[in-house]
Amino acid sequence: MRKSVGVKNDKKDRIENFECMSMAYLVEQLGKAATLEFDNVKLKKSGSDVWE
């Protein structure tokens, strides 16, 4: 985890915050794992029958 707090950016007249976290997961039972490709995911538009 990396964190930088209160970096002054005079060009944009503001104080900037940066946080970064790397996470990893271990799959112990490969038969119970699944993946998906985000480009293939379709979501139904709220309140209609239209899929995006």
N, C-alpha and C. Protein backbone atom coordinates (compact mmCIF):
# COMPACT_ATOMS: atom_id res chain seq x y z
N MET A 1 0.86 -1.18 0.00
CA MET A 1 0.00 0.00 0.00
C MET A 1 0.90 1.23 0.00
N ARG A 2 0.57 2.16 -0.87
CA ARG A 2 1.31 3.43 -0.92
C ARG A 2 0.33 4.57 -0.70
N LYS A 3 0.80 5.58 0.01
CA LYS A 3 -0.07 6.72 0.30
C LYS A 3 0.77 7.98 0.37
N SER A 4 0.30 9.02 -0.29
CA SER A 4 0.95 10.31 -0.22
C SER A 4 -0.15 11.33 0.07
N VAL A 5 0.02 12.08 1.12
CA VAL A 5 -1.03 13.00 1.57
C VAL A 5 -0.53 14.43 1.53
N GLY A 6 -1.34 15.31 1.04
CA GLY A 6 -1.04 16.72 1.11
C GLY A 6 0.04 17.23 0.19
N VAL A 7 0.09 16.75 -1.05
CA VAL A 7 1.05 17.27 -2.02
C VAL A 7 0.44 18.52 -2.64
N LYS A 8 1.11 19.64 -2.50
CA LYS A 8 0.57 20.90 -3.01
C LYS A 8 0.82 21.02 -4.51
N ASN A 9 -0.24 21.31 -5.24
CA ASN A 9 -0.14 21.50 -6.69
C ASN A 9 -0.52 22.95 -6.99
N ASP A 10 0.49 23.82 -7.12
CA ASP A 10 0.24 25.24 -7.34
C ASP A 10 -0.38 25.51 -8.71
N LYS A 11 -0.04 24.68 -9.72
CA LYS A 11 -0.59 24.89 -11.06
C LYS A 11 -2.11 24.76 -11.08
N LYS A 12 -2.63 23.86 -10.26
CA LYS A 12 -4.09 23.64 -10.22
C LYS A 12 -4.73 24.24 -8.97
N ASP A 13 -3.93 24.91 -8.15
CA ASP A 13 -4.40 25.58 -6.93
C ASP A 13 -5.17 24.61 -6.03
N ARG A 14 -4.51 23.48 -5.70
CA ARG A 14 -5.15 22.50 -4.83
C ARG A 14 -4.12 21.62 -4.12
N ILE A 15 -4.58 20.90 -3.12
CA ILE A 15 -3.78 19.89 -2.42
C ILE A 15 -4.24 18.53 -2.94
N GLU A 16 -3.28 17.68 -3.34
CA GLU A 16 -3.62 16.40 -3.93
C GLU A 16 -3.28 15.24 -3.00
N ASN A 17 -4.11 14.22 -3.05
CA ASN A 17 -4.00 13.02 -2.26
C ASN A 17 -3.80 11.84 -3.21
N PHE A 18 -2.93 10.88 -2.87
CA PHE A 18 -2.74 9.70 -3.70
C PHE A 18 -2.72 8.46 -2.82
N GLU A 19 -3.54 7.47 -3.19
CA GLU A 19 -3.55 6.20 -2.48
C GLU A 19 -3.56 5.07 -3.49
N CYS A 20 -2.75 4.05 -3.26
CA CYS A 20 -2.65 2.91 -4.17
C CYS A 20 -2.54 1.64 -3.34
N MET A 21 -3.34 0.62 -3.68
CA MET A 21 -3.29 -0.64 -2.96
C MET A 21 -3.30 -1.80 -3.97
N SER A 22 -2.37 -2.70 -3.81
CA SER A 22 -2.34 -3.90 -4.65
C SER A 22 -2.90 -5.06 -3.84
N MET A 23 -3.82 -5.80 -4.45
CA MET A 23 -4.43 -6.92 -3.75
C MET A 23 -4.25 -8.19 -4.58
N ALA A 24 -4.05 -9.30 -3.91
CA ALA A 24 -3.91 -10.59 -4.58
C ALA A 24 -4.83 -11.60 -3.88
N TYR A 25 -5.28 -12.56 -4.64
CA TYR A 25 -6.17 -13.59 -4.11
C TYR A 25 -5.60 -14.96 -4.43
N LEU A 26 -5.80 -15.91 -3.55
CA LEU A 26 -5.35 -17.28 -3.74
C LEU A 26 -6.57 -18.17 -3.90
N VAL A 27 -6.60 -18.94 -4.98
CA VAL A 27 -7.70 -19.88 -5.22
C VAL A 27 -7.21 -21.26 -4.82
N GLU A 28 -7.80 -21.81 -3.76
CA GLU A 28 -7.38 -23.11 -3.27
C GLU A 28 -8.11 -24.26 -3.95
N GLN A 29 -9.33 -24.01 -4.42
CA GLN A 29 -10.11 -25.06 -5.09
C GLN A 29 -10.39 -24.61 -6.51
N LEU A 30 -9.53 -25.03 -7.45
CA LEU A 30 -9.63 -24.56 -8.82
C LEU A 30 -10.96 -24.89 -9.47
N GLY A 31 -11.62 -25.95 -9.06
CA GLY A 31 -12.92 -26.33 -9.60
C GLY A 31 -14.01 -25.34 -9.24
N LYS A 32 -13.75 -24.44 -8.32
CA LYS A 32 -14.76 -23.47 -7.88
C LYS A 32 -14.37 -22.04 -8.25
N ALA A 33 -13.47 -21.90 -9.21
CA ALA A 33 -13.04 -20.57 -9.63
C ALA A 33 -13.73 -20.19 -10.94
N ALA A 34 -13.94 -18.91 -11.15
CA ALA A 34 -14.55 -18.41 -12.38
C ALA A 34 -13.93 -17.07 -12.73
N THR A 35 -13.89 -16.79 -14.02
CA THR A 35 -13.43 -15.48 -14.49
C THR A 35 -14.40 -14.99 -15.54
N LEU A 36 -14.33 -13.70 -15.85
CA LEU A 36 -15.13 -13.16 -16.93
C LEU A 36 -14.38 -12.03 -17.59
N GLU A 37 -14.69 -11.82 -18.85
CA GLU A 37 -14.09 -10.72 -19.58
C GLU A 37 -15.08 -9.57 -19.60
N PHE A 38 -14.65 -8.43 -19.09
CA PHE A 38 -15.55 -7.29 -18.93
C PHE A 38 -16.21 -6.87 -20.25
N ASP A 39 -15.49 -7.00 -21.37
CA ASP A 39 -16.05 -6.61 -22.68
C ASP A 39 -17.25 -7.46 -23.05
N ASN A 40 -17.37 -8.65 -22.48
CA ASN A 40 -18.48 -9.56 -22.81
C ASN A 40 -19.67 -9.42 -21.86
N VAL A 41 -19.56 -8.58 -20.85
CA VAL A 41 -20.62 -8.42 -19.86
C VAL A 41 -21.67 -7.44 -20.37
N LYS A 42 -22.94 -7.84 -20.28
CA LYS A 42 -24.06 -6.98 -20.66
C LYS A 42 -24.88 -6.70 -19.41
N LEU A 43 -25.21 -5.45 -19.18
CA LEU A 43 -26.02 -5.06 -18.03
C LEU A 43 -27.37 -4.53 -18.49
N LYS A 44 -28.41 -4.90 -17.78
CA LYS A 44 -29.75 -4.45 -18.12
C LYS A 44 -29.95 -3.03 -17.61
N LYS A 45 -30.45 -2.16 -18.47
CA LYS A 45 -30.72 -0.78 -18.10
C LYS A 45 -31.84 -0.76 -17.05
N SER A 46 -31.66 0.00 -15.99
CA SER A 46 -32.62 0.05 -14.90
C SER A 46 -34.00 0.49 -15.38
N GLY A 47 -35.01 -0.30 -15.04
CA GLY A 47 -36.39 0.06 -15.38
C GLY A 47 -36.79 -0.23 -16.81
N SER A 48 -35.98 -0.99 -17.58
CA SER A 48 -36.35 -1.31 -18.96
C SER A 48 -35.87 -2.71 -19.31
N ASP A 49 -36.20 -3.13 -20.52
CA ASP A 49 -35.76 -4.44 -21.00
C ASP A 49 -34.57 -4.31 -21.95
N VAL A 50 -33.89 -3.17 -21.94
CA VAL A 50 -32.77 -2.90 -22.82
C VAL A 50 -31.47 -3.35 -22.16
N TRP A 51 -30.66 -4.12 -22.89
CA TRP A 51 -29.36 -4.58 -22.40
C TRP A 51 -28.26 -3.75 -23.03
N GLU A 52 -27.30 -3.33 -22.25
CA GLU A 52 -26.18 -2.54 -22.77
C GLU A 52 -24.91 -3.36 -22.77
